[in-house]
Amino acid sequence: MCTSADRGTSAEGRSEGVLRDGTVATLRSLPYDDPLAQYLVEAVQQEYVQRYGGRDAAVVEPAEFLPPQGLFLVVEVDGVAAGCGAWRAMPDGAAEIKRVYVEPAFRRRGVARLVVAALEESAAAAGHPEVVLNSGREQPEALALYADLGYRPVPGYGVYACAPGAVFLGRRLDGPDEEASSWAS
């Protein structure tokens, strides 16, 4: 398990974390419309097609994921893209987590946990008191991770607010601490 103590952030906007198997993973911020980011976004969209029969219909604008109003992170292991995740500011002051995805070859190693922790730290550092997200019953491994991280049910929102099988979760964030990530700066 990776905790914030397992990560260090460099001045270049990169962060490292240790996965369950001891492998070092590198997180870096990219624009949402960067080719690598788009490759991973397409991979998560294909995952939705396999699990739900269609792509995510939620509208996103690349600018929503630029600091300080958002962030898109890519995680790499030995220079290979292993996954991604993002957050964007919501009108109510929360940060919405989007596009958490791990490539199949890197699953069950703690990549998603590392990404979510980095996203939460960044959102807290940017002043967001809570994070919210939506998932679905066809993603039991994601739901188990979020439950383990302390996420609880929240009211539905957005395009899937009343969709059968949609799951809406959230978690209060601690305020920024001395070791908070500099992603939002």
C-alpha atoms as a PDB file:
ATOM      1  CA  MET A   1       0.000   0.000   0.000  1.00  0.00           C
ATOM      2  CA  CYS A   2       1.282   3.429  -0.879  1.00  0.00           C
ATOM      3  CA  THR A   3       0.776   6.329   1.450  1.00  0.00           C
ATOM      4  CA  SER A   4       1.749   9.954   1.018  1.00  0.00           C
ATOM      5  CA  ALA A   5       4.938   9.155   2.908  1.00  0.00           C
ATOM      6  CA  ASP A   6       5.857   6.781   0.070  1.00  0.00           C
ATOM      7  CA  ARG A   7       5.790   9.601  -2.487  1.00  0.00           C
ATOM      8  CA  GLY A   8       8.106  12.449  -3.264  1.00  0.00           C
ATOM      9  CA  THR A   9       7.391  15.318  -5.657  1.00  0.00           C
ATOM     10  CA  SER A  10      10.084  16.935  -7.746  1.00  0.00           C
ATOM     11  CA  ALA A  11      10.230  20.498  -8.960  1.00  0.00           C
ATOM     12  CA  GLU A  12       9.470  19.222 -12.473  1.00  0.00           C
ATOM     13  CA  GLY A  13       5.928  18.140 -11.486  1.00  0.00           C
ATOM     14  CA  ARG A  14       6.760  14.458 -11.236  1.00  0.00           C
ATOM     15  CA  SER A  15       6.097  12.264  -8.267  1.00  0.00           C
ATOM     16  CA  GLU A  16       7.201   8.760  -7.437  1.00  0.00           C
ATOM     17  CA  GLY A  17       5.430   6.092  -5.453  1.00  0.00           C
ATOM     18  CA  VAL A  18       6.130   2.518  -4.527  1.00  0.00           C
ATOM     19  CA  LEU A  19       3.657  -0.132  -5.671  1.00  0.00           C
ATOM     20  CA  ARG A  20       2.728  -3.239  -3.675  1.00  0.00           C
ATOM     21  CA  ASP A  21       5.428  -5.305  -5.374  1.00  0.00           C
ATOM     22  CA  GLY A  22       8.143  -2.737  -4.591  1.00  0.00           C
ATOM     23  CA  THR A  23       8.240  -1.322  -8.119  1.00  0.00           C
ATOM     24  CA  VAL A  24       8.691   2.431  -8.376  1.00  0.00           C
ATOM     25  CA  ALA A  25       5.982   4.225 -10.347  1.00  0.00           C
ATOM     26  CA  THR A  26       6.245   7.772 -11.668  1.00  0.00           C
ATOM     27  CA  LEU A  27       3.250  10.094 -11.787  1.00  0.00           C
ATOM     28  CA  ARG A  28       3.287  13.142 -14.015  1.00  0.00           C
ATOM     29  CA  SER A  29       0.796  15.789 -14.968  1.00  0.00           C
ATOM     30  CA  LEU A  30      -0.186  16.079 -18.629  1.00  0.00           C
ATOM     31  CA  PRO A  31      -2.772  18.124 -20.477  1.00  0.00           C
ATOM     32  CA  TYR A  32      -5.955  16.120 -21.106  1.00  0.00           C
ATOM     33  CA  ASP A  33      -5.470  16.513 -24.852  1.00  0.00           C
ATOM     34  CA  ASP A  34      -1.851  15.254 -24.818  1.00  0.00           C
ATOM     35  CA  PRO A  35      -1.474  12.186 -27.104  1.00  0.00           C
ATOM     36  CA  LEU A  36      -0.523   9.885 -24.203  1.00  0.00           C
ATOM     37  CA  ALA A  37      -3.429  11.155 -22.119  1.00  0.00           C
ATOM     38  CA  GLN A  38      -5.774  10.621 -25.066  1.00  0.00           C
ATOM     39  CA  TYR A  39      -4.457   7.074 -25.557  1.00  0.00           C
ATOM     40  CA  LEU A  40      -5.314   6.278 -21.929  1.00  0.00           C
ATOM     41  CA  VAL A  41      -8.687   8.065 -22.107  1.00  0.00           C
ATOM     42  CA  GLU A  42      -9.552   5.942 -25.139  1.00  0.00           C
ATOM     43  CA  ALA A  43      -8.488   2.814 -23.234  1.00  0.00           C
ATOM     44  CA  VAL A  44     -10.822   3.675 -20.360  1.00  0.00           C
ATOM     45  CA  GLN A  45     -13.616   4.417 -22.849  1.00  0.00           C
ATOM     46  CA  GLN A  46     -13.123   0.948 -24.363  1.00  0.00           C
ATOM     47  CA  GLU A  47     -13.303  -0.506 -20.858  1.00  0.00           C
ATOM     48  CA  TYR A  48     -16.699   1.208 -20.476  1.00  0.00           C
ATOM     49  CA  VAL A  49     -17.819  -0.240 -23.811  1.00  0.00           C
ATOM     50  CA  GLN A  50     -16.879  -3.750 -22.635  1.00  0.00           C
ATOM     51  CA  ARG A  51     -18.521  -3.388 -19.234  1.00  0.00           C
ATOM     52  CA  TYR A  52     -21.539  -1.187 -19.999  1.00  0.00           C
ATOM     53  CA  GLY A  53     -22.048  -1.472 -23.748  1.00  0.00           C
ATOM     54  CA  GLY A  54     -21.166   2.161 -24.506  1.00  0.00           C
ATOM     55  CA  ARG A  55     -18.787   5.045 -23.947  1.00  0.00           C
ATOM     56  CA  ASP A  56     -19.060   7.483 -21.036  1.00  0.00           C
ATOM     57  CA  ALA A  57     -21.552  10.152 -22.092  1.00  0.00           C
ATOM     58  CA  ALA A  58     -20.349  12.727 -19.549  1.00  0.00           C
ATOM     59  CA  VAL A  59     -19.047  15.788 -21.365  1.00  0.00           C
ATOM     60  CA  VAL A  60     -15.514  16.851 -20.504  1.00  0.00           C
ATOM     61  CA  GLU A  61     -13.495  19.783 -21.771  1.00  0.00           C
ATOM     62  CA  PRO A  62      -9.689  19.458 -21.792  1.00  0.00           C
ATOM     63  CA  ALA A  63      -9.276  22.834 -20.065  1.00  0.00           C
ATOM     64  CA  GLU A  64     -11.222  21.536 -17.028  1.00  0.00           C
ATOM     65  CA  PHE A  65      -8.218  19.365 -16.163  1.00  0.00           C
ATOM     66  CA  LEU A  66      -5.574  22.101 -16.161  1.00  0.00           C
ATOM     67  CA  PRO A  67      -4.217  23.345 -12.823  1.00  0.00           C
ATOM     68  CA  PRO A  68      -5.406  24.988 -10.704  1.00  0.00           C
ATOM     69  CA  GLN A  69      -9.013  24.021 -11.605  1.00  0.00           C
ATOM     70  CA  GLY A  70      -8.133  20.388 -12.356  1.00  0.00           C
ATOM     71  CA  LEU A  71      -5.415  17.867 -13.041  1.00  0.00           C
ATOM     72  CA  PHE A  72      -4.756  14.907 -15.328  1.00  0.00           C
ATOM     73  CA  LEU A  73      -2.133  12.432 -14.095  1.00  0.00           C
ATOM     74  CA  VAL A  74      -0.401   9.611 -15.937  1.00  0.00           C
ATOM     75  CA  VAL A  75       1.414   6.904 -14.019  1.00  0.00           C
ATOM     76  CA  GLU A  76       4.331   5.106 -15.638  1.00  0.00           C
ATOM     77  CA  VAL A  77       6.258   2.024 -14.575  1.00  0.00           C
ATOM     78  CA  ASP A  78       9.683   1.617 -16.138  1.00  0.00           C
ATOM     79  CA  GLY A  79       8.721   4.218 -18.741  1.00  0.00           C
ATOM     80  CA  VAL A  80       5.525   2.380 -19.756  1.00  0.00           C
ATOM     81  CA  ALA A  81       2.120   4.030 -19.306  1.00  0.00           C
ATOM     82  CA  ALA A  82       0.384   2.033 -16.568  1.00  0.00           C
ATOM     83  CA  GLY A  83      -2.693   4.157 -15.923  1.00  0.00           C
ATOM     84  CA  CYS A  84      -4.209   7.558 -15.351  1.00  0.00           C
ATOM     85  CA  GLY A  85      -6.681   9.601 -13.378  1.00  0.00           C
ATOM     86  CA  ALA A  86      -7.964  13.150 -13.210  1.00  0.00           C
ATOM     87  CA  TRP A  87     -10.020  15.613 -11.232  1.00  0.00           C
ATOM     88  CA  ARG A  88     -11.931  18.730 -12.157  1.00  0.00           C
ATOM     89  CA  ALA A  89     -13.552  21.429 -10.042  1.00  0.00           C
ATOM     90  CA  MET A  90     -17.315  21.217  -9.549  1.00  0.00           C
ATOM     91  CA  PRO A  91     -19.585  24.278  -9.155  1.00  0.00           C
ATOM     92  CA  ASP A  92     -20.310  23.330  -5.519  1.00  0.00           C
ATOM     93  CA  GLY A  93     -16.613  23.425  -4.557  1.00  0.00           C
ATOM     94  CA  ALA A  94     -15.986  19.683  -4.632  1.00  0.00           C
ATOM     95  CA  ALA A  95     -13.474  18.074  -6.966  1.00  0.00           C
ATOM     96  CA  GLU A  96     -14.794  15.328  -9.238  1.00  0.00           C
ATOM     97  CA  ILE A  97     -12.479  12.389  -9.866  1.00  0.00           C
ATOM     98  CA  LYS A  98     -12.613  11.138 -13.458  1.00  0.00           C
ATOM     99  CA  ARG A  99     -10.888   8.639 -15.721  1.00  0.00           C
ATOM    100  CA  VAL A 100      -9.151   6.459 -13.131  1.00  0.00           C
ATOM    101  CA  TYR A 101      -7.831   3.619 -15.255  1.00  0.00           C
ATOM    102  CA  VAL A 102      -5.108   0.974 -15.009  1.00  0.00           C
ATOM    103  CA  GLU A 103      -3.793  -0.942 -17.994  1.00  0.00           C
ATOM    104  CA  PRO A 104      -4.508  -4.693 -17.616  1.00  0.00           C
ATOM    105  CA  ALA A 105      -0.821  -5.665 -17.287  1.00  0.00           C
ATOM    106  CA  PHE A 106      -0.481  -3.382 -14.227  1.00  0.00           C
ATOM    107  CA  ARG A 107      -3.649  -4.244 -12.315  1.00  0.00           C
ATOM    108  CA  ARG A 108      -3.688  -5.511  -8.712  1.00  0.00           C
ATOM    109  CA  ARG A 109      -0.371  -3.810  -7.936  1.00  0.00           C
ATOM    110  CA  GLY A 110      -1.672  -0.630  -6.262  1.00  0.00           C
ATOM    111  CA  VAL A 111      -1.550   1.684  -9.283  1.00  0.00           C
ATOM    112  CA  ALA A 112      -5.133   2.939  -8.862  1.00  0.00           C
ATOM    113  CA  ARG A 113      -4.599   3.495  -5.132  1.00  0.00           C
ATOM    114  CA  LEU A 114      -1.486   5.564  -5.921  1.00  0.00           C
ATOM    115  CA  VAL A 115      -3.337   7.628  -8.537  1.00  0.00           C
ATOM    116  CA  VAL A 116      -6.348   8.296  -6.307  1.00  0.00           C
ATOM    117  CA  ALA A 117      -4.111   9.332  -3.399  1.00  0.00           C
ATOM    118  CA  ALA A 118      -2.234  11.785  -5.640  1.00  0.00           C
ATOM    119  CA  LEU A 119      -5.495  13.180  -7.011  1.00  0.00           C
ATOM    120  CA  GLU A 120      -6.904  13.630  -3.512  1.00  0.00           C
ATOM    121  CA  GLU A 121      -3.731  15.402  -2.334  1.00  0.00           C
ATOM    122  CA  SER A 122      -3.810  17.730  -5.316  1.00  0.00           C
ATOM    123  CA  ALA A 123      -7.512  18.523  -4.921  1.00  0.00           C
ATOM    124  CA  ALA A 124      -7.005  19.238  -1.199  1.00  0.00           C
ATOM    125  CA  ALA A 125      -3.995  21.456  -1.954  1.00  0.00           C
ATOM    126  CA  ALA A 126      -6.180  23.368  -4.450  1.00  0.00           C
ATOM    127  CA  GLY A 127      -8.697  24.043  -1.657  1.00  0.00           C
ATOM    128  CA  HIS A 128     -11.402  21.471  -2.392  1.00  0.00           C
ATOM    129  CA  PRO A 129     -12.971  20.145   0.820  1.00  0.00           C
ATOM    130  CA  GLU A 130     -14.221  16.915  -0.749  1.00  0.00           C
ATOM    131  CA  VAL A 131     -13.996  14.682  -3.780  1.00  0.00           C
ATOM    132  CA  VAL A 132     -16.879  12.967  -5.550  1.00  0.00           C
ATOM    133  CA  LEU A 133     -17.036  10.441  -8.353  1.00  0.00           C
ATOM    134  CA  ASN A 134     -19.392   8.209 -10.180  1.00  0.00           C
ATOM    135  CA  SER A 135     -18.856   4.593 -11.082  1.00  0.00           C
ATOM    136  CA  GLY A 136     -21.136   1.654 -11.630  1.00  0.00           C
ATOM    137  CA  ARG A 137     -22.009  -1.845 -10.514  1.00  0.00           C
ATOM    138  CA  GLU A 138     -20.017  -3.301 -13.425  1.00  0.00           C
ATOM    139  CA  GLN A 139     -16.780  -2.059 -11.822  1.00  0.00           C
ATOM    140  CA  PRO A 140     -16.685  -4.075  -8.576  1.00  0.00           C
ATOM    141  CA  GLU A 141     -12.922  -3.743  -8.170  1.00  0.00           C
ATOM    142  CA  ALA A 142     -13.179   0.057  -8.335  1.00  0.00           C
ATOM    143  CA  LEU A 143     -16.065   0.093  -5.868  1.00  0.00           C
ATOM    144  CA  ALA A 144     -14.061  -2.090  -3.465  1.00  0.00           C
ATOM    145  CA  LEU A 145     -11.073   0.264  -3.719  1.00  0.00           C
ATOM    146  CA  TYR A 146     -13.185   3.346  -3.066  1.00  0.00           C
ATOM    147  CA  ALA A 147     -14.885   1.682  -0.077  1.00  0.00           C
ATOM    148  CA  ASP A 148     -11.455   0.754   1.305  1.00  0.00           C
ATOM    149  CA  LEU A 149     -10.357   4.381   0.901  1.00  0.00           C
ATOM    150  CA  GLY A 150     -13.342   5.646   2.915  1.00  0.00           C
ATOM    151  CA  TYR A 151     -15.671   6.757   0.133  1.00  0.00           C
ATOM    152  CA  ARG A 152     -19.358   6.801   1.032  1.00  0.00           C
ATOM    153  CA  PRO A 153     -22.568   7.220  -1.009  1.00  0.00           C
ATOM    154  CA  VAL A 154     -23.437  10.763  -2.108  1.00  0.00           C
ATOM    155  CA  PRO A 155     -26.393  12.122  -4.100  1.00  0.00           C
ATOM    156  CA  GLY A 156     -26.289  11.496  -7.839  1.00  0.00           C
ATOM    157  CA  TYR A 157     -25.290  14.283 -10.211  1.00  0.00           C
ATOM    158  CA  GLY A 158     -24.691  14.908 -13.881  1.00  0.00           C
ATOM    159  CA  VAL A 159     -25.766  12.846 -16.856  1.00  0.00           C
ATOM    160  CA  TYR A 160     -25.975   9.613 -14.808  1.00  0.00           C
ATOM    161  CA  ALA A 161     -27.823  11.069 -11.795  1.00  0.00           C
ATOM    162  CA  CYS A 162     -30.824   8.769 -12.262  1.00  0.00           C
ATOM    163  CA  ALA A 163     -29.208   5.974 -14.278  1.00  0.00           C
ATOM    164  CA  PRO A 164     -29.874   2.432 -13.069  1.00  0.00           C
ATOM    165  CA  GLY A 165     -26.682   0.878 -11.731  1.00  0.00           C
ATOM    166  CA  ALA A 166     -24.867   4.204 -11.341  1.00  0.00           C
ATOM    167  CA  VAL A 167     -22.968   4.565  -8.076  1.00  0.00           C
ATOM    168  CA  PHE A 168     -22.041   7.978  -6.653  1.00  0.00           C
ATOM    169  CA  LEU A 169     -19.403   8.208  -3.949  1.00  0.00           C
ATOM    170  CA  GLY A 170     -17.538  10.928  -2.107  1.00  0.00           C
ATOM    171  CA  ARG A 171     -15.080  11.604   0.652  1.00  0.00           C
ATOM    172  CA  ARG A 172     -14.123  14.620   2.749  1.00  0.00           C
ATOM    173  CA  LEU A 173     -10.502  15.630   2.318  1.00  0.00           C
ATOM    174  CA  ASP A 174      -8.085  16.700   5.003  1.00  0.00           C
ATOM    175  CA  GLY A 175      -6.620  20.144   4.522  1.00  0.00           C
ATOM    176  CA  PRO A 176      -3.235  20.477   2.866  1.00  0.00           C
ATOM    177  CA  ASP A 177      -0.327  19.467   5.056  1.00  0.00           C
ATOM    178  CA  GLU A 178       3.370  20.270   4.956  1.00  0.00           C
ATOM    179  CA  GLU A 179       4.069  17.350   2.626  1.00  0.00           C
ATOM    180  CA  ALA A 180       1.156  18.030   0.241  1.00  0.00           C
ATOM    181  CA  SER A 181       1.862  17.570  -3.426  1.00  0.00           C
ATOM    182  CA  SER A 182       2.742  20.607  -5.525  1.00  0.00           C
ATOM    183  CA  TRP A 183       0.544  19.399  -8.408  1.00  0.00           C
ATOM    184  CA  ALA A 184      -1.876  22.282  -7.942  1.00  0.00           C
ATOM    185  CA  SER A 185       0.751  25.022  -7.877  1.00  0.00           C
END
